[in-house]
Amino acid sequence: MKDILLQTENLLKLRNYSQKTRKSYLFYISKYLEFSKKKISRVRMRPLSNFIKNNSKKPPKTINPALNSIFFIKKY
């Protein structure tokens, strides 16, 4: 898991994401990986929707970075 987070952090730095955004993305990616307990290549929509439901008590302002971070790792 640390390897995935390190690679993601390097990619975020390369793409000039701010430090605050990188920190947020890495936090939510690590939480999602703990939640799904699967490898990135096996990310499915069902665990993603369950992850969002567990975080749905939070405002959309908080949920959007979580979604963006998951979609970011799925893309790369």
PDB file of N, CA and C in Angstrom:
ATOM      1  N   MET A   1       0.824  -1.189   0.000  1.00  0.00           N
ATOM      2  CA  MET A   1       0.000   0.000   0.000  1.00  0.00           C
ATOM      3  C   MET A   1       0.871   1.256   0.000  1.00  0.00           C
ATOM      4  N   LYS A   2       1.976   1.218   0.732  1.00  0.00           N
ATOM      5  CA  LYS A   2       2.860   2.389   0.787  1.00  0.00           C
ATOM      6  C   LYS A   2       3.425   2.703  -0.585  1.00  0.00           C
ATOM      7  N   ASP A   3       3.700   1.647  -1.363  1.00  0.00           N
ATOM      8  CA  ASP A   3       4.245   1.837  -2.698  1.00  0.00           C
ATOM      9  C   ASP A   3       3.242   2.579  -3.587  1.00  0.00           C
ATOM     10  N   ILE A   4       1.984   2.206  -3.497  1.00  0.00           N
ATOM     11  CA  ILE A   4       0.928   2.860  -4.277  1.00  0.00           C
ATOM     12  C   ILE A   4       0.804   4.322  -3.874  1.00  0.00           C
ATOM     13  N   LEU A   5       0.837   4.576  -2.581  1.00  0.00           N
ATOM     14  CA  LEU A   5       0.722   5.956  -2.105  1.00  0.00           C
ATOM     15  C   LEU A   5       1.920   6.796  -2.522  1.00  0.00           C
ATOM     16  N   LEU A   6       3.094   6.213  -2.484  1.00  0.00           N
ATOM     17  CA  LEU A   6       4.300   6.937  -2.891  1.00  0.00           C
ATOM     18  C   LEU A   6       4.261   7.260  -4.386  1.00  0.00           C
ATOM     19  N   GLN A   7       3.859   6.302  -5.204  1.00  0.00           N
ATOM     20  CA  GLN A   7       3.752   6.536  -6.645  1.00  0.00           C
ATOM     21  C   GLN A   7       2.696   7.600  -6.942  1.00  0.00           C
ATOM     22  N   THR A   8       1.591   7.536  -6.227  1.00  0.00           N
ATOM     23  CA  THR A   8       0.530   8.523  -6.416  1.00  0.00           C
ATOM     24  C   THR A   8       1.011   9.913  -6.016  1.00  0.00           C
ATOM     25  N   GLU A   9       1.713   9.994  -4.903  1.00  0.00           N
ATOM     26  CA  GLU A   9       2.230  11.284  -4.460  1.00  0.00           C
ATOM     27  C   GLU A   9       3.195  11.868  -5.483  1.00  0.00           C
ATOM     28  N   ASN A  10       4.066  11.044  -6.038  1.00  0.00           N
ATOM     29  CA  ASN A  10       5.002  11.515  -7.059  1.00  0.00           C
ATOM     30  C   ASN A  10       4.272  12.007  -8.307  1.00  0.00           C
ATOM     31  N   LEU A  11       3.227  11.307  -8.693  1.00  0.00           N
ATOM     32  CA  LEU A  11       2.449  11.713  -9.862  1.00  0.00           C
ATOM     33  C   LEU A  11       1.712  13.027  -9.591  1.00  0.00           C
ATOM     34  N   LEU A  12       1.184  13.174  -8.396  1.00  0.00           N
ATOM     35  CA  LEU A  12       0.499  14.421  -8.036  1.00  0.00           C
ATOM     36  C   LEU A  12       1.474  15.596  -8.037  1.00  0.00           C
ATOM     37  N   LYS A  13       2.680  15.366  -7.547  1.00  0.00           N
ATOM     38  CA  LYS A  13       3.702  16.417  -7.568  1.00  0.00           C
ATOM     39  C   LYS A  13       4.060  16.777  -9.003  1.00  0.00           C
ATOM     40  N   LEU A  14       4.197  15.772  -9.836  1.00  0.00           N
ATOM     41  CA  LEU A  14       4.533  15.984 -11.239  1.00  0.00           C
ATOM     42  C   LEU A  14       3.462  16.812 -11.946  1.00  0.00           C
ATOM     43  N   ARG A  15       2.224  16.607 -11.560  1.00  0.00           N
ATOM     44  CA  ARG A  15       1.114  17.337 -12.162  1.00  0.00           C
ATOM     45  C   ARG A  15       0.823  18.665 -11.455  1.00  0.00           C
ATOM     46  N   ASN A  16       1.703  19.072 -10.544  1.00  0.00           N
ATOM     47  CA  ASN A  16       1.631  20.357  -9.838  1.00  0.00           C
ATOM     48  C   ASN A  16       0.375  20.543  -8.986  1.00  0.00           C
ATOM     49  N   TYR A  17      -0.068  19.484  -8.346  1.00  0.00           N
ATOM     50  CA  TYR A  17      -1.160  19.605  -7.387  1.00  0.00           C
ATOM     51  C   TYR A  17      -0.604  20.272  -6.133  1.00  0.00           C
ATOM     52  N   SER A  18      -1.429  21.036  -5.465  1.00  0.00           N
ATOM     53  CA  SER A  18      -0.973  21.719  -4.254  1.00  0.00           C
ATOM     54  C   SER A  18      -0.724  20.704  -3.137  1.00  0.00           C
ATOM     55  N   GLN A  19       0.032  21.139  -2.152  1.00  0.00           N
ATOM     56  CA  GLN A  19       0.362  20.248  -1.038  1.00  0.00           C
ATOM     57  C   GLN A  19      -0.902  19.831  -0.287  1.00  0.00           C
ATOM     58  N   LYS A  20      -1.813  20.746  -0.109  1.00  0.00           N
ATOM     59  CA  LYS A  20      -3.066  20.444   0.597  1.00  0.00           C
ATOM     60  C   LYS A  20      -3.898  19.415  -0.183  1.00  0.00           C
ATOM     61  N   THR A  21      -3.949  19.555  -1.500  1.00  0.00           N
ATOM     62  CA  THR A  21      -4.686  18.606  -2.331  1.00  0.00           C
ATOM     63  C   THR A  21      -4.027  17.239  -2.303  1.00  0.00           C
ATOM     64  N   ARG A  22      -2.701  17.218  -2.399  1.00  0.00           N
ATOM     65  CA  ARG A  22      -1.978  15.932  -2.327  1.00  0.00           C
ATOM     66  C   ARG A  22      -2.252  15.221  -1.017  1.00  0.00           C
ATOM     67  N   LYS A  23      -2.213  15.969   0.064  1.00  0.00           N
ATOM     68  CA  LYS A  23      -2.454  15.388   1.385  1.00  0.00           C
ATOM     69  C   LYS A  23      -3.863  14.812   1.471  1.00  0.00           C
ATOM     70  N   SER A  24      -4.840  15.553   0.959  1.00  0.00           N
ATOM     71  CA  SER A  24      -6.230  15.093   0.970  1.00  0.00           C
ATOM     72  C   SER A  24      -6.403  13.845   0.113  1.00  0.00           C
ATOM     73  N   TYR A  25      -5.860  13.855  -1.098  1.00  0.00           N
ATOM     74  CA  TYR A  25      -5.971  12.702  -1.986  1.00  0.00           C
ATOM     75  C   TYR A  25      -5.338  11.465  -1.359  1.00  0.00           C
ATOM     76  N   LEU A  26      -4.153  11.617  -0.824  1.00  0.00           N
ATOM     77  CA  LEU A  26      -3.464  10.470  -0.230  1.00  0.00           C
ATOM     78  C   LEU A  26      -4.225   9.926   0.975  1.00  0.00           C
ATOM     79  N   PHE A  27      -4.820  10.818   1.745  1.00  0.00           N
ATOM     80  CA  PHE A  27      -5.618  10.387   2.893  1.00  0.00           C
ATOM     81  C   PHE A  27      -6.802   9.532   2.429  1.00  0.00           C
ATOM     82  N   TYR A  28      -7.560  10.042   1.456  1.00  0.00           N
ATOM     83  CA  TYR A  28      -8.747   9.310   1.006  1.00  0.00           C
ATOM     84  C   TYR A  28      -8.389   8.037   0.242  1.00  0.00           C
ATOM     85  N   ILE A  29      -7.293   8.052  -0.482  1.00  0.00           N
ATOM     86  CA  ILE A  29      -6.868   6.831  -1.177  1.00  0.00           C
ATOM     87  C   ILE A  29      -6.501   5.755  -0.161  1.00  0.00           C
ATOM     88  N   SER A  30      -5.779   6.135   0.878  1.00  0.00           N
ATOM     89  CA  SER A  30      -5.414   5.144   1.897  1.00  0.00           C
ATOM     90  C   SER A  30      -6.648   4.624   2.621  1.00  0.00           C
ATOM     91  N   LYS A  31      -7.602   5.511   2.908  1.00  0.00           N
ATOM     92  CA  LYS A  31      -8.849   5.071   3.559  1.00  0.00           C
ATOM     93  C   LYS A  31      -9.632   4.131   2.646  1.00  0.00           C
ATOM     94  N   TYR A  32      -9.668   4.452   1.365  1.00  0.00           N
ATOM     95  CA  TYR A  32     -10.388   3.588   0.432  1.00  0.00           C
ATOM     96  C   TYR A  32      -9.720   2.227   0.308  1.00  0.00           C
ATOM     97  N   LEU A  33      -8.400   2.208   0.250  1.00  0.00           N
ATOM     98  CA  LEU A  33      -7.697   0.932   0.149  1.00  0.00           C
ATOM     99  C   LEU A  33      -7.912   0.080   1.391  1.00  0.00           C
ATOM    100  N   GLU A  34      -7.941   0.707   2.541  1.00  0.00           N
ATOM    101  CA  GLU A  34      -8.249  -0.031   3.767  1.00  0.00           C
ATOM    102  C   GLU A  34      -9.677  -0.553   3.725  1.00  0.00           C
ATOM    103  N   PHE A  35     -10.576   0.266   3.213  1.00  0.00           N
ATOM    104  CA  PHE A  35     -11.989  -0.112   3.147  1.00  0.00           C
ATOM    105  C   PHE A  35     -12.216  -1.258   2.173  1.00  0.00           C
ATOM    106  N   SER A  36     -11.635  -1.174   1.004  1.00  0.00           N
ATOM    107  CA  SER A  36     -11.900  -2.188  -0.019  1.00  0.00           C
ATOM    108  C   SER A  36     -11.043  -3.434   0.145  1.00  0.00           C
ATOM    109  N   LYS A  37      -9.834  -3.263   0.734  1.00  0.00           N
ATOM    110  CA  LYS A  37      -8.897  -4.368   0.927  1.00  0.00           C
ATOM    111  C   LYS A  37      -8.634  -5.126  -0.366  1.00  0.00           C
ATOM    112  N   LYS A  38      -8.531  -4.375  -1.446  1.00  0.00           N
ATOM    113  CA  LYS A  38      -8.257  -4.950  -2.754  1.00  0.00           C
ATOM    114  C   LYS A  38      -7.162  -4.152  -3.417  1.00  0.00           C
ATOM    115  N   LYS A  39      -6.596  -4.727  -4.461  1.00  0.00           N
ATOM    116  CA  LYS A  39      -5.589  -4.015  -5.242  1.00  0.00           C
ATOM    117  C   LYS A  39      -6.280  -2.985  -6.130  1.00  0.00           C
ATOM    118  N   ILE A  40      -5.521  -1.984  -6.525  1.00  0.00           N
ATOM    119  CA  ILE A  40      -6.057  -0.910  -7.353  1.00  0.00           C
ATOM    120  C   ILE A  40      -6.676  -1.440  -8.643  1.00  0.00           C
ATOM    121  N   SER A  41      -6.068  -2.427  -9.245  1.00  0.00           N
ATOM    122  CA  SER A  41      -6.576  -2.943 -10.512  1.00  0.00           C
ATOM    123  C   SER A  41      -7.942  -3.604 -10.364  1.00  0.00           C
ATOM    124  N   ARG A  42      -8.336  -3.899  -9.149  1.00  0.00           N
ATOM    125  CA  ARG A  42      -9.615  -4.561  -8.923  1.00  0.00           C
ATOM    126  C   ARG A  42     -10.665  -3.634  -8.309  1.00  0.00           C
ATOM    127  N   VAL A  43     -10.467  -2.355  -8.430  1.00  0.00           N
ATOM    128  CA  VAL A  43     -11.428  -1.408  -7.876  1.00  0.00           C
ATOM    129  C   VAL A  43     -12.734  -1.561  -8.638  1.00  0.00           C
ATOM    130  N   ARG A  44     -13.781  -1.798  -7.935  1.00  0.00           N
ATOM    131  CA  ARG A  44     -15.095  -1.983  -8.536  1.00  0.00           C
ATOM    132  C   ARG A  44     -16.036  -0.892  -8.013  1.00  0.00           C
ATOM    133  N   MET A  45     -17.122  -0.721  -8.706  1.00  0.00           N
ATOM    134  CA  MET A  45     -18.066   0.330  -8.330  1.00  0.00           C
ATOM    135  C   MET A  45     -18.797   0.005  -7.022  1.00  0.00           C
ATOM    136  N   ARG A  46     -19.042  -1.252  -6.742  1.00  0.00           N
ATOM    137  CA  ARG A  46     -19.771  -1.600  -5.524  1.00  0.00           C
ATOM    138  C   ARG A  46     -19.021  -1.154  -4.261  1.00  0.00           C
ATOM    139  N   PRO A  47     -17.719  -1.508  -4.095  1.00  0.00           N
ATOM    140  CA  PRO A  47     -17.013  -1.005  -2.924  1.00  0.00           C
ATOM    141  C   PRO A  47     -16.952   0.519  -2.900  1.00  0.00           C
ATOM    142  N   LEU A  48     -16.876   1.119  -4.082  1.00  0.00           N
ATOM    143  CA  LEU A  48     -16.830   2.574  -4.155  1.00  0.00           C
ATOM    144  C   LEU A  48     -18.137   3.172  -3.663  1.00  0.00           C
ATOM    145  N   SER A  49     -19.262   2.617  -4.072  1.00  0.00           N
ATOM    146  CA  SER A  49     -20.549   3.150  -3.611  1.00  0.00           C
ATOM    147  C   SER A  49     -20.736   2.911  -2.117  1.00  0.00           C
ATOM    148  N   ASN A  50     -20.266   1.783  -1.603  1.00  0.00           N
ATOM    149  CA  ASN A  50     -20.343   1.538  -0.163  1.00  0.00           C
ATOM    150  C   ASN A  50     -19.449   2.502   0.609  1.00  0.00           C
ATOM    151  N   PHE A  51     -18.288   2.793   0.053  1.00  0.00           N
ATOM    152  CA  PHE A  51     -17.373   3.745   0.672  1.00  0.00           C
ATOM    153  C   PHE A  51     -18.020   5.129   0.747  1.00  0.00           C
ATOM    154  N   ILE A  52     -18.688   5.512  -0.320  1.00  0.00           N
ATOM    155  CA  ILE A  52     -19.353   6.814  -0.346  1.00  0.00           C
ATOM    156  C   ILE A  52     -20.507   6.842   0.651  1.00  0.00           C
ATOM    157  N   LYS A  53     -21.253   5.753   0.738  1.00  0.00           N
ATOM    158  CA  LYS A  53     -22.361   5.698   1.700  1.00  0.00           C
ATOM    159  C   LYS A  53     -21.859   5.843   3.127  1.00  0.00           C
ATOM    160  N   ASN A  54     -20.706   5.253   3.424  1.00  0.00           N
ATOM    161  CA  ASN A  54     -20.137   5.377   4.762  1.00  0.00           C
ATOM    162  C   ASN A  54     -19.685   6.796   5.050  1.00  0.00           C
ATOM    163  N   ASN A  55     -19.338   7.532   4.018  1.00  0.00           N
ATOM    164  CA  ASN A  55     -18.897   8.915   4.180  1.00  0.00           C
ATOM    165  C   ASN A  55     -20.012   9.911   3.876  1.00  0.00           C
ATOM    166  N   SER A  56     -21.230   9.429   3.651  1.00  0.00           N
ATOM    167  CA  SER A  56     -22.311  10.314   3.225  1.00  0.00           C
ATOM    168  C   SER A  56     -22.798  11.246   4.333  1.00  0.00           C
ATOM    169  N   LYS A  57     -22.427  10.993   5.570  1.00  0.00           N
ATOM    170  CA  LYS A  57     -22.831  11.878   6.658  1.00  0.00           C
ATOM    171  C   LYS A  57     -22.071  13.197   6.594  1.00  0.00           C
ATOM    172  N   LYS A  58     -21.027  13.200   5.793  1.00  0.00           N
ATOM    173  CA  LYS A  58     -20.214  14.393   5.646  1.00  0.00           C
ATOM    174  C   LYS A  58     -20.791  15.253   4.517  1.00  0.00           C
ATOM    175  N   PRO A  59     -20.485  16.541   4.527  1.00  0.00           N
ATOM    176  CA  PRO A  59     -21.015  17.412   3.471  1.00  0.00           C
ATOM    177  C   PRO A  59     -20.377  17.116   2.114  1.00  0.00           C
ATOM    178  N   PRO A  60     -21.053  17.490   1.026  1.00  0.00           N
ATOM    179  CA  PRO A  60     -20.513  17.249  -0.320  1.00  0.00           C
ATOM    180  C   PRO A  60     -19.128  17.855  -0.525  1.00  0.00           C
ATOM    181  N   LYS A  61     -18.848  18.911   0.180  1.00  0.00           N
ATOM    182  CA  LYS A  61     -17.544  19.550   0.103  1.00  0.00           C
ATOM    183  C   LYS A  61     -16.433  18.576   0.515  1.00  0.00           C
ATOM    184  N   THR A  62     -16.753  17.650   1.386  1.00  0.00           N
ATOM    185  CA  THR A  62     -15.803  16.650   1.861  1.00  0.00           C
ATOM    186  C   THR A  62     -15.821  15.403   0.989  1.00  0.00           C
ATOM    187  N   ILE A  63     -16.975  15.047   0.473  1.00  0.00           N
ATOM    188  CA  ILE A  63     -17.112  13.828  -0.326  1.00  0.00           C
ATOM    189  C   ILE A  63     -16.474  13.990  -1.701  1.00  0.00           C
ATOM    190  N   ASN A  64     -16.551  15.173  -2.287  1.00  0.00           N
ATOM    191  CA  ASN A  64     -15.984  15.393  -3.622  1.00  0.00           C
ATOM    192  C   ASN A  64     -14.492  15.094  -3.696  1.00  0.00           C
ATOM    193  N   PRO A  65     -13.652  15.562  -2.764  1.00  0.00           N
ATOM    194  CA  PRO A  65     -12.240  15.175  -2.839  1.00  0.00           C
ATOM    195  C   PRO A  65     -12.029  13.664  -2.708  1.00  0.00           C
ATOM    196  N   ALA A  66     -12.867  13.016  -1.929  1.00  0.00           N
ATOM    197  CA  ALA A  66     -12.760  11.562  -1.791  1.00  0.00           C
ATOM    198  C   ALA A  66     -13.018  10.892  -3.135  1.00  0.00           C
ATOM    199  N   LEU A  67     -14.070  11.313  -3.815  1.00  0.00           N
ATOM    200  CA  LEU A  67     -14.382  10.749  -5.128  1.00  0.00           C
ATOM    201  C   LEU A  67     -13.290  11.067  -6.145  1.00  0.00           C
ATOM    202  N   ASN A  68     -12.843  12.302  -6.160  1.00  0.00           N
ATOM    203  CA  ASN A  68     -11.800  12.692  -7.109  1.00  0.00           C
ATOM    204  C   ASN A  68     -10.526  11.895  -6.901  1.00  0.00           C
ATOM    205  N   SER A  69     -10.170  11.630  -5.669  1.00  0.00           N
ATOM    206  CA  SER A  69      -8.950  10.876  -5.402  1.00  0.00           C
ATOM    207  C   SER A  69      -9.075   9.433  -5.885  1.00  0.00           C
ATOM    208  N   ILE A  70     -10.244   8.829  -5.697  1.00  0.00           N
ATOM    209  CA  ILE A  70     -10.451   7.451  -6.155  1.00  0.00           C
ATOM    210  C   ILE A  70     -10.421   7.391  -7.677  1.00  0.00           C
ATOM    211  N   PHE A  71     -11.084   8.352  -8.323  1.00  0.00           N
ATOM    212  CA  PHE A  71     -11.069   8.364  -9.783  1.00  0.00           C
ATOM    213  C   PHE A  71      -9.669   8.641 -10.318  1.00  0.00           C
ATOM    214  N   PHE A  72      -8.885   9.394  -9.571  1.00  0.00           N
ATOM    215  CA  PHE A  72      -7.505   9.667  -9.988  1.00  0.00           C
ATOM    216  C   PHE A  72      -6.674   8.393 -10.024  1.00  0.00           C
ATOM    217  N   ILE A  73      -6.774   7.565  -8.981  1.00  0.00           N
ATOM    218  CA  ILE A  73      -5.972   6.329  -8.983  1.00  0.00           C
ATOM    219  C   ILE A  73      -6.497   5.316  -9.980  1.00  0.00           C
ATOM    220  N   LYS A  74      -7.798   5.332 -10.269  1.00  0.00           N
ATOM    221  CA  LYS A  74      -8.331   4.422 -11.267  1.00  0.00           C
ATOM    222  C   LYS A  74      -7.832   4.812 -12.655  1.00  0.00           C
ATOM    223  N   LYS A  75      -7.624   6.107 -12.856  1.00  0.00           N
ATOM    224  CA  LYS A  75      -7.197   6.611 -14.165  1.00  0.00           C
ATOM    225  C   LYS A  75      -5.746   6.246 -14.452  1.00  0.00           C
ATOM    226  N   TYR A  76      -4.896   6.191 -13.408  1.00  0.00           N
ATOM    227  CA  TYR A  76      -3.459   5.963 -13.610  1.00  0.00           C
ATOM    228  C   TYR A  76      -3.002   4.670 -13.052  1.00  0.00           C
TER     229      TYR A  76
END
